[in-house]
Amino acid sequence: MLEKLEKIVEAIENKKGEEIIILDFEGKNSLCDYTIICTGSSNRNIRAISEEVEVKLRGLDQTKLHIEGQDEAHWVLIDGDDVIIHVLDQKTRDLYRLEELWGDANVVYPRLDA
């Protein structure tokens, strides 16, 4: 799992994603073990981030993959089975404040090795 998380973060950073946070839900949530949230600077940037994440996940032989929101690209959700990635514009991220919604999760990024 650590390799998968590192590859996703690398993809986000390669496309200039910002404010990356990883929440650990392992044992607390039946939907996923981890959630990654990041901010893109524009709709074009959000699409580029989500496409790069998709490429990285497919390179890890991720067979179960579902992506929503790429057309409008204000909030793209990538369901990678055991990890869910949210790529949002700043306005949407400020409005929904997902980090606060899931306040009981442990934050494991920026330090993946901690």
Protein backbone atom coordinates (compact mmCIF):
# COMPACT_ATOMS: atom_id res chain seq x y z
CA MET A 1 0.00 0.00 0.00
CA LEU A 2 2.85 2.39 0.77
CA GLU A 3 4.12 2.12 -2.81
CA LYS A 4 0.66 2.90 -4.16
CA LEU A 5 0.32 5.98 -1.96
CA GLU A 6 3.79 7.18 -2.92
CA LYS A 7 3.02 6.77 -6.65
CA ILE A 8 -0.22 8.74 -6.29
CA VAL A 9 1.51 11.56 -4.41
CA GLU A 10 4.27 11.57 -7.03
CA ALA A 11 1.66 11.91 -9.79
CA ILE A 12 -0.04 14.79 -7.99
CA GLU A 13 3.26 16.58 -7.37
CA ASN A 14 4.38 16.04 -10.99
CA LYS A 15 1.32 17.97 -12.15
CA LYS A 16 1.72 20.72 -9.54
CA GLY A 17 -1.10 19.63 -7.22
CA GLU A 18 -1.08 21.49 -3.91
CA GLU A 19 -2.16 21.04 -0.29
CA ILE A 20 -1.87 17.24 -0.45
CA ILE A 21 -3.17 15.38 2.55
CA ILE A 22 -3.59 11.65 3.12
CA LEU A 23 -6.11 10.43 5.67
CA ASP A 24 -5.79 6.92 7.10
CA PHE A 25 -9.15 5.17 7.52
CA GLU A 26 -7.79 1.66 7.89
CA GLY A 27 -10.11 -0.22 10.23
CA LYS A 28 -12.46 2.78 10.54
CA ASN A 29 -14.22 2.82 7.18
CA SER A 30 -15.58 0.06 4.97
CA LEU A 31 -15.28 2.15 1.78
CA CYS A 32 -11.51 2.61 1.67
CA ASP A 33 -8.32 2.43 3.70
CA TYR A 34 -6.97 5.84 2.63
CA THR A 35 -8.29 9.08 1.19
CA ILE A 36 -6.05 11.57 -0.59
CA ILE A 37 -7.18 15.17 -0.99
CA CYS A 38 -5.39 17.79 -3.08
CA THR A 39 -6.02 21.11 -4.77
CA GLY A 40 -5.55 21.99 -8.42
CA SER A 41 -4.99 25.53 -9.63
CA SER A 42 -7.46 25.40 -12.55
CA ASN A 43 -9.86 23.06 -14.31
CA ARG A 44 -7.12 22.18 -16.78
CA ASN A 45 -4.70 21.45 -13.94
CA ILE A 46 -7.28 19.32 -12.12
CA ARG A 47 -7.82 17.24 -15.29
CA ALA A 48 -4.05 16.85 -15.73
CA ILE A 49 -3.62 15.71 -12.12
CA SER A 50 -6.45 13.19 -12.35
CA GLU A 51 -5.14 11.82 -15.67
CA GLU A 52 -1.64 11.42 -14.23
CA VAL A 53 -3.02 9.62 -11.16
CA GLU A 54 -4.97 7.31 -13.47
CA VAL A 55 -1.80 6.49 -15.44
CA LYS A 56 0.12 5.70 -12.23
CA LEU A 57 -2.67 3.49 -10.88
CA ARG A 58 -2.99 1.58 -14.16
CA GLY A 59 0.80 1.12 -14.07
CA LEU A 60 0.34 -0.62 -10.72
CA ASP A 61 -2.16 -3.00 -12.37
CA GLN A 62 -5.08 -1.29 -10.69
CA THR A 63 -7.99 -3.05 -12.36
CA LYS A 64 -10.84 -1.58 -10.34
CA LEU A 65 -10.80 2.13 -11.12
CA HIS A 66 -13.65 4.62 -11.43
CA ILE A 67 -13.33 8.35 -12.15
CA GLU A 68 -16.03 11.02 -11.89
CA GLY A 69 -16.06 14.75 -12.53
CA GLN A 70 -13.39 15.16 -15.21
CA ASP A 71 -15.72 17.00 -17.59
CA GLU A 72 -16.33 20.00 -15.33
CA ALA A 73 -13.15 19.44 -13.29
CA HIS A 74 -14.11 21.34 -10.15
CA TRP A 75 -14.01 18.14 -8.12
CA VAL A 76 -12.65 14.92 -9.60
CA LEU A 77 -13.11 11.76 -7.58
CA ILE A 78 -10.95 8.74 -8.37
CA ASP A 79 -12.00 5.47 -6.76
CA GLY A 80 -8.95 3.25 -6.67
CA ASP A 81 -10.63 0.57 -4.57
CA ASP A 82 -8.69 0.81 -1.29
CA VAL A 83 -7.77 4.47 -1.83
CA ILE A 84 -10.03 7.32 -2.92
CA ILE A 85 -8.50 10.47 -4.38
CA HIS A 86 -10.24 13.87 -4.40
CA VAL A 87 -8.80 16.58 -6.67
CA LEU A 88 -10.61 19.87 -6.07
CA ASP A 89 -10.36 23.51 -7.04
CA GLN A 90 -9.74 25.87 -4.13
CA LYS A 91 -13.30 27.21 -3.99
CA THR A 92 -14.81 23.71 -3.81
CA ARG A 93 -12.24 22.54 -1.27
CA ASP A 94 -12.94 25.55 0.94
CA LEU A 95 -16.69 24.96 0.68
CA TYR A 96 -16.73 21.24 1.58
CA ARG A 97 -13.71 21.12 3.94
CA LEU A 98 -13.38 17.34 3.66
CA GLU A 99 -10.54 17.24 6.18
CA GLU A 100 -12.93 18.53 8.84
CA LEU A 101 -15.68 16.14 7.81
CA TRP A 102 -13.37 13.21 8.49
CA GLY A 103 -11.70 14.60 11.59
CA ASP A 104 -11.37 11.19 13.24
CA ALA A 105 -8.94 9.93 10.58
CA ASN A 106 -5.19 9.97 11.15
CA VAL A 107 -3.21 12.26 8.85
CA VAL A 108 -0.27 10.32 7.34
CA TYR A 109 1.02 12.76 4.76
CA PRO A 110 3.34 14.61 4.23
CA ARG A 111 5.23 11.83 6.07
CA LEU A 112 4.40 8.46 4.52
CA ASP A 113 7.17 6.69 6.46
CA ALA A 114 6.08 7.87 9.92
